[in-house]
Amino acid sequence: MSTGLWNTTLAGEPLSATVSDGTLPWLAVHTAVLLAVGLAVYGGNIRRAQREGH
C-alpha cells in the first residue's frame, strides 16, 4: 500500500502524483482506521483495568 507512495516520492515525482493515483488518500484512510481501532482497544483495556481494581 505505502510502497507506491515511497516509490513515487523517491523517484522525484511530486506528491500530487500520489494523490491523483489514489495512494495517499488510501494511506490516510488506512491510518485513521488503525488509529481508531487502537484507541478503542486501549480504552477497553483501561476500563477493564479500572473495573478489576488494577
N, C-alpha and C. Protein backbone atom coordinates (compact mmCIF):
# COMPACT_ATOMS: atom_id res chain seq x y z
N MET A 1 0.83 -1.19 0.00
CA MET A 1 0.00 0.00 0.00
C MET A 1 0.87 1.24 0.00
N SER A 2 1.70 1.42 1.01
CA SER A 2 2.51 2.62 1.08
C SER A 2 3.76 2.51 0.22
N THR A 3 4.02 1.33 -0.34
CA THR A 3 5.18 1.17 -1.20
C THR A 3 5.08 2.07 -2.42
N GLY A 4 3.87 2.22 -2.95
CA GLY A 4 3.68 3.11 -4.09
C GLY A 4 4.00 4.55 -3.75
N LEU A 5 3.64 4.95 -2.55
CA LEU A 5 3.94 6.31 -2.09
C LEU A 5 5.44 6.53 -2.02
N TRP A 6 6.16 5.58 -1.42
CA TRP A 6 7.61 5.72 -1.32
C TRP A 6 8.26 5.68 -2.69
N ASN A 7 7.82 4.78 -3.56
CA ASN A 7 8.40 4.69 -4.90
C ASN A 7 8.21 5.99 -5.66
N THR A 8 7.03 6.56 -5.57
CA THR A 8 6.75 7.81 -6.27
C THR A 8 7.57 8.95 -5.69
N THR A 9 7.66 9.00 -4.36
CA THR A 9 8.42 10.07 -3.71
C THR A 9 9.90 9.94 -4.01
N LEU A 10 10.44 8.74 -3.92
CA LEU A 10 11.86 8.53 -4.16
C LEU A 10 12.23 8.70 -5.62
N ALA A 11 11.26 8.54 -6.52
CA ALA A 11 11.52 8.74 -7.95
C ALA A 11 11.58 10.22 -8.29
N GLY A 12 11.27 11.07 -7.31
CA GLY A 12 11.36 12.51 -7.55
C GLY A 12 10.09 13.11 -8.14
N GLU A 13 9.03 12.33 -8.19
CA GLU A 13 7.78 12.86 -8.71
C GLU A 13 7.08 13.67 -7.62
N PRO A 14 6.24 14.62 -8.01
CA PRO A 14 5.57 15.44 -7.00
C PRO A 14 4.56 14.63 -6.19
N LEU A 15 4.25 15.14 -5.01
CA LEU A 15 3.30 14.47 -4.13
C LEU A 15 1.91 14.41 -4.76
N SER A 16 1.62 15.33 -5.66
CA SER A 16 0.32 15.32 -6.33
C SER A 16 0.12 14.05 -7.16
N ALA A 17 1.21 13.41 -7.56
CA ALA A 17 1.09 12.16 -8.31
C ALA A 17 0.50 11.06 -7.42
N THR A 18 0.85 11.05 -6.14
CA THR A 18 0.29 10.05 -5.25
C THR A 18 -1.17 10.35 -4.92
N VAL A 19 -1.54 11.62 -4.96
CA VAL A 19 -2.95 11.98 -4.73
C VAL A 19 -3.79 11.58 -5.93
N SER A 20 -3.25 11.80 -7.11
CA SER A 20 -4.04 11.52 -8.32
C SER A 20 -4.24 10.02 -8.54
N ASP A 21 -3.28 9.20 -8.14
CA ASP A 21 -3.47 7.76 -8.34
C ASP A 21 -4.15 7.08 -7.16
N GLY A 22 -4.49 7.87 -6.12
CA GLY A 22 -5.26 7.34 -5.00
C GLY A 22 -4.45 6.74 -3.88
N THR A 23 -3.13 6.75 -3.99
CA THR A 23 -2.29 6.13 -2.97
C THR A 23 -2.33 6.90 -1.66
N LEU A 24 -2.16 8.20 -1.71
CA LEU A 24 -2.11 9.00 -0.49
C LEU A 24 -3.46 9.03 0.24
N PRO A 25 -4.58 9.23 -0.46
CA PRO A 25 -5.86 9.18 0.26
C PRO A 25 -6.11 7.81 0.91
N TRP A 26 -5.77 6.73 0.22
CA TRP A 26 -5.96 5.40 0.79
C TRP A 26 -5.09 5.23 2.03
N LEU A 27 -3.86 5.73 1.98
CA LEU A 27 -2.98 5.64 3.12
C LEU A 27 -3.52 6.44 4.30
N ALA A 28 -4.10 7.60 4.05
CA ALA A 28 -4.68 8.41 5.12
C ALA A 28 -5.88 7.70 5.77
N VAL A 29 -6.72 7.09 4.96
CA VAL A 29 -7.88 6.34 5.49
C VAL A 29 -7.40 5.15 6.31
N HIS A 30 -6.44 4.43 5.79
CA HIS A 30 -5.90 3.27 6.49
C HIS A 30 -5.33 3.67 7.85
N THR A 31 -4.60 4.76 7.89
CA THR A 31 -4.01 5.25 9.14
C THR A 31 -5.10 5.65 10.14
N ALA A 32 -6.13 6.33 9.66
CA ALA A 32 -7.22 6.76 10.54
C ALA A 32 -7.96 5.55 11.13
N VAL A 33 -8.17 4.52 10.34
CA VAL A 33 -8.85 3.32 10.82
C VAL A 33 -8.00 2.62 11.87
N LEU A 34 -6.70 2.49 11.61
CA LEU A 34 -5.83 1.85 12.58
C LEU A 34 -5.76 2.64 13.88
N LEU A 35 -5.76 3.95 13.79
CA LEU A 35 -5.76 4.79 14.99
C LEU A 35 -7.05 4.59 15.79
N ALA A 36 -8.18 4.56 15.11
CA ALA A 36 -9.47 4.37 15.79
C ALA A 36 -9.54 3.01 16.47
N VAL A 37 -9.08 1.98 15.80
CA VAL A 37 -9.09 0.64 16.40
C VAL A 37 -8.15 0.59 17.60
N GLY A 38 -6.98 1.18 17.49
CA GLY A 38 -6.04 1.21 18.59
C GLY A 38 -6.59 1.93 19.80
N LEU A 39 -7.25 3.07 19.56
CA LEU A 39 -7.84 3.81 20.67
C LEU A 39 -8.98 3.04 21.32
N ALA A 40 -9.76 2.32 20.52
CA ALA A 40 -10.85 1.52 21.07
C ALA A 40 -10.32 0.40 21.95
N VAL A 41 -9.28 -0.27 21.49
CA VAL A 41 -8.68 -1.35 22.28
C VAL A 41 -8.07 -0.78 23.56
N TYR A 42 -7.36 0.33 23.43
CA TYR A 42 -6.76 0.97 24.60
C TYR A 42 -7.82 1.37 25.62
N GLY A 43 -8.89 2.00 25.15
CA GLY A 43 -9.96 2.41 26.05
C GLY A 43 -10.62 1.22 26.74
N GLY A 44 -10.82 0.15 26.00
CA GLY A 44 -11.39 -1.06 26.60
C GLY A 44 -10.50 -1.65 27.66
N ASN A 45 -9.21 -1.65 27.41
CA ASN A 45 -8.27 -2.18 28.40
C ASN A 45 -8.22 -1.30 29.64
N ILE A 46 -8.28 0.00 29.47
CA ILE A 46 -8.28 0.91 30.63
C ILE A 46 -9.53 0.68 31.47
N ARG A 47 -10.68 0.58 30.83
CA ARG A 47 -11.93 0.34 31.57
C ARG A 47 -11.88 -1.00 32.31
N ARG A 48 -11.35 -2.01 31.67
CA ARG A 48 -11.25 -3.32 32.31
C ARG A 48 -10.31 -3.28 33.52
N ALA A 49 -9.19 -2.59 33.37
CA ALA A 49 -8.24 -2.49 34.49
C ALA A 49 -8.85 -1.72 35.66
N GLN A 50 -9.60 -0.67 35.38
CA GLN A 50 -10.24 0.09 36.45
C GLN A 50 -11.32 -0.74 37.13
N ARG A 51 -12.05 -1.50 36.35
CA ARG A 51 -13.12 -2.34 36.91
C ARG A 51 -12.53 -3.43 37.80
N GLU A 52 -11.38 -3.97 37.42
CA GLU A 52 -10.76 -5.04 38.19
C GLU A 52 -9.88 -4.52 39.32
N GLY A 53 -9.77 -3.21 39.42
CA GLY A 53 -9.03 -2.60 40.53
C GLY A 53 -7.52 -2.57 40.37
N HIS A 54 -7.06 -2.53 39.15
CA HIS A 54 -5.59 -2.50 38.92
C HIS A 54 -5.09 -1.10 38.83
